[in-house]
């Protein structure tokens, strides 16, 4: 009879040990809020979780790219709107000059105004957003336009940017330009 009691005792100890292990696993799942805490919990499901984590990371990058692109295009739109306003103002001044209704001193005042507008246009064209120049194409780390001065007046403007637009990947296989050639 002693052998039977010994077997019963061993079975009870084994069952209690298994139940203790299961209880510890359930407590860990409750504490972490995750059903799979290590690969050995479920290898196939752990692989799926890792794949999903990778996709979340990738999508997070695309969301960041999209947010940055929207911001960049918004700033670019504002800058272009300001430039268009200056261009319309300049067009009016040039029309008045060519009409011959101004004397030399009045033409000089308008010429000074045009030089100021040109400086403003260069400043707009060299606008940065998040440390990157908007109108330098793929060359976003240096100012795309460099003004040459003689006697304090702009005599020429040199484009130093790239001749290629810079595209940003917004989704798998979907890219759009955010930094345009000036």
Protein backbone atom coordinates (compact mmCIF):
# COMPACT_ATOMS: atom_id res chain seq x y z
CA UNK A 1 0.00 0.00 0.00
CA UNK A 2 3.00 2.25 0.62
CA UNK A 3 3.81 2.25 -3.10
CA UNK A 4 0.32 3.43 -4.01
CA UNK A 5 0.43 6.28 -1.50
CA UNK A 6 3.82 7.27 -2.79
CA UNK A 7 2.47 7.41 -6.35
CA UNK A 8 -0.54 9.44 -5.25
CA UNK A 9 1.74 11.80 -3.36
CA UNK A 10 4.02 12.22 -6.41
CA UNK A 11 1.01 12.85 -8.67
CA UNK A 12 -0.32 15.50 -6.29
CA UNK A 13 3.08 17.21 -6.11
CA UNK A 14 3.40 17.12 -9.92
CA UNK A 15 -0.11 18.54 -10.37
CA UNK A 16 0.51 21.29 -7.80
CA UNK A 17 3.76 22.16 -9.55
CA UNK A 18 1.98 22.43 -12.93
CA UNK A 19 -0.79 24.52 -11.38
CA UNK A 20 1.79 26.80 -9.74
CA UNK A 21 3.55 27.27 -13.09
CA UNK A 22 0.22 28.05 -14.80
CA UNK A 23 -0.68 30.51 -12.03
CA UNK A 24 2.72 32.24 -12.41
CA UNK A 25 2.17 32.48 -16.19
CA UNK A 26 -1.32 33.97 -15.70
CA UNK A 27 0.01 36.46 -13.14
CA UNK A 28 2.73 37.53 -15.61
CA UNK A 29 0.13 37.97 -18.36
CA UNK A 30 -2.01 40.04 -16.01
CA UNK A 31 0.93 42.19 -14.92
CA UNK A 32 2.19 42.86 -18.45
CA UNK A 33 -1.17 42.96 -20.17
CA UNK A 34 0.25 40.69 -22.88
CA UNK A 35 -0.66 37.11 -23.55
CA UNK A 36 2.69 36.45 -25.25
CA UNK A 37 5.69 37.55 -23.21
CA UNK A 38 8.36 35.33 -24.73
CA UNK A 39 8.68 33.40 -27.95
CA UNK A 40 8.24 30.09 -26.12
CA UNK A 41 4.70 31.12 -25.08
CA UNK A 42 3.56 30.68 -28.71
CA UNK A 43 6.22 30.68 -31.44
CA UNK A 44 3.85 31.24 -34.37
CA UNK A 45 1.95 34.04 -32.64
CA UNK A 46 5.21 35.61 -31.43
CA UNK A 47 6.37 35.74 -35.07
CA UNK A 48 3.11 37.48 -36.01
CA UNK A 49 3.57 39.98 -33.18
CA UNK A 50 7.12 40.77 -34.34
CA UNK A 51 5.86 41.23 -37.91
CA UNK A 52 3.13 43.59 -36.70
CA UNK A 53 5.64 45.53 -34.57
CA UNK A 54 7.79 45.97 -37.67
CA UNK A 55 4.79 47.22 -39.66
CA UNK A 56 3.85 49.67 -36.88
CA UNK A 57 7.38 51.05 -36.91
CA UNK A 58 7.30 51.41 -40.69
CA UNK A 59 3.89 53.10 -40.64
CA UNK A 60 5.07 55.41 -37.88
CA UNK A 61 7.91 56.53 -40.15
CA UNK A 62 5.45 57.17 -42.99
CA UNK A 63 3.16 59.16 -40.69
CA UNK A 64 6.11 61.31 -39.59
CA UNK A 65 7.13 61.82 -43.24
CA UNK A 66 3.57 62.78 -44.12
CA UNK A 67 3.29 65.27 -41.24
CA UNK A 68 6.64 66.85 -42.17
CA UNK A 69 5.66 67.03 -45.84
CA UNK A 70 2.33 68.69 -45.04
CA UNK A 71 4.14 71.22 -42.84
CA UNK A 72 6.77 71.89 -45.50
CA UNK A 73 4.19 72.31 -48.26
CA UNK A 74 2.14 74.64 -46.03
CA UNK A 75 5.15 76.89 -45.42
CA UNK A 76 6.06 76.72 -49.14
CA UNK A 77 2.54 77.78 -50.07
CA UNK A 78 2.68 80.77 -47.70
CA UNK A 79 6.08 81.81 -49.08
CA UNK A 80 4.90 81.54 -52.69
CA UNK A 81 1.80 83.59 -51.80
CA UNK A 82 4.00 86.33 -50.34
CA UNK A 83 6.25 86.22 -53.40
CA UNK A 84 3.24 86.55 -55.71
CA UNK A 85 2.09 89.60 -53.77
CA UNK A 86 5.54 91.18 -54.21
CA UNK A 87 5.53 90.31 -57.93
CA UNK A 88 2.15 92.01 -58.45
CA UNK A 89 3.39 95.09 -56.59
CA UNK A 90 6.54 95.13 -58.74
CA UNK A 91 4.55 94.73 -61.95
CA UNK A 92 2.50 97.80 -61.07
CA UNK A 93 5.65 99.84 -60.38
CA UNK A 94 7.27 98.74 -63.64
CA UNK A 95 4.12 99.61 -65.59
CA UNK A 96 4.16 103.08 -64.05
CA UNK A 97 7.85 103.61 -64.88
CA UNK A 98 7.44 102.58 -68.50
CA UNK A 99 4.48 104.96 -68.83
CA UNK A 100 6.94 107.87 -68.70
CA UNK A 101 5.04 109.81 -66.06
CA UNK A 102 7.91 109.88 -63.53
CA UNK A 103 10.96 112.11 -63.44
CA UNK A 104 14.47 110.85 -62.60
CA UNK A 105 14.15 111.22 -58.81
CA UNK A 106 10.82 109.42 -58.78
CA UNK A 107 12.29 106.61 -60.93
CA UNK A 108 15.17 106.32 -58.44
CA UNK A 109 12.71 105.92 -55.57
CA UNK A 110 10.96 103.13 -57.49
CA UNK A 111 14.34 101.55 -58.38
CA UNK A 112 15.22 101.50 -54.66
CA UNK A 113 11.84 99.94 -53.96
CA UNK A 114 12.50 97.29 -56.64
CA UNK A 115 15.90 96.51 -55.07
CA UNK A 116 14.15 96.07 -51.73
CA UNK A 117 11.57 93.76 -53.35
CA UNK A 118 14.39 91.75 -54.94
CA UNK A 119 16.08 91.35 -51.55
CA UNK A 120 12.74 90.26 -50.12
CA UNK A 121 12.29 87.72 -52.96
CA UNK A 122 15.75 86.27 -52.28
CA UNK A 123 14.90 86.04 -48.60
CA UNK A 124 11.64 84.24 -49.44
CA UNK A 125 13.45 81.91 -51.86
CA UNK A 126 15.92 81.03 -49.09
CA UNK A 127 13.20 80.14 -46.57
CA UNK A 128 13.95 77.27 -44.22
CA UNK A 129 11.54 74.88 -42.54
CA UNK A 130 12.85 72.54 -39.84
CA UNK A 131 16.44 73.39 -40.81
CA UNK A 132 15.98 72.62 -44.52
CA UNK A 133 15.78 75.10 -47.38
CA UNK A 134 12.50 74.76 -49.27
CA UNK A 135 13.56 75.69 -52.79
CA UNK A 136 16.95 74.02 -53.18
CA UNK A 137 15.71 70.71 -54.57
CA UNK A 138 17.73 67.83 -53.14
CA UNK A 139 20.26 70.30 -51.73
CA UNK A 140 18.41 71.36 -48.58
CA UNK A 141 21.36 72.17 -46.33
CA UNK A 142 22.61 75.35 -48.06
CA UNK A 143 20.77 78.49 -49.13
CA UNK A 144 19.70 78.01 -52.75
CA UNK A 145 20.15 81.64 -53.80
CA UNK A 146 23.21 83.83 -53.35
CA UNK A 147 22.98 87.54 -54.13
CA UNK A 148 25.99 89.40 -55.56
CA UNK A 149 26.24 93.03 -54.44
CA UNK A 150 27.94 96.10 -55.88
CA UNK A 151 27.77 99.37 -53.92
CA UNK A 152 25.09 97.86 -51.68
CA UNK A 153 22.81 96.99 -54.61
CA UNK A 154 22.05 93.52 -55.94
CA UNK A 155 23.75 93.07 -59.31
CA UNK A 156 23.11 89.36 -59.83
CA UNK A 157 21.65 86.31 -58.16
CA UNK A 158 23.20 82.85 -58.43
CA UNK A 159 21.22 79.64 -57.91
CA UNK A 160 23.25 77.16 -55.83
CA UNK A 161 20.56 74.55 -55.30
CA UNK A 162 20.06 71.22 -57.00
CA UNK A 163 18.34 70.77 -60.34
CA UNK A 164 16.43 67.77 -58.97
CA UNK A 165 13.36 67.83 -56.75
CA UNK A 166 13.60 66.00 -53.45
CA UNK A 167 10.92 63.35 -52.99
CA UNK A 168 9.78 61.98 -49.66
CA UNK A 169 8.34 58.47 -49.36
CA UNK A 170 4.87 58.82 -47.86
CA UNK A 171 3.73 55.19 -48.14
CA UNK A 172 5.14 52.02 -49.65
CA UNK A 173 5.68 52.88 -53.32
CA UNK A 174 4.21 56.40 -52.93
CA UNK A 175 6.54 59.39 -52.95
CA UNK A 176 5.87 63.07 -53.46
CA UNK A 177 8.01 66.16 -53.80
CA UNK A 178 8.29 68.41 -50.81
CA UNK A 179 11.45 70.34 -51.68
CA UNK A 180 11.24 71.91 -55.11
CA UNK A 181 13.86 73.27 -57.48
CA UNK A 182 13.98 77.06 -57.16
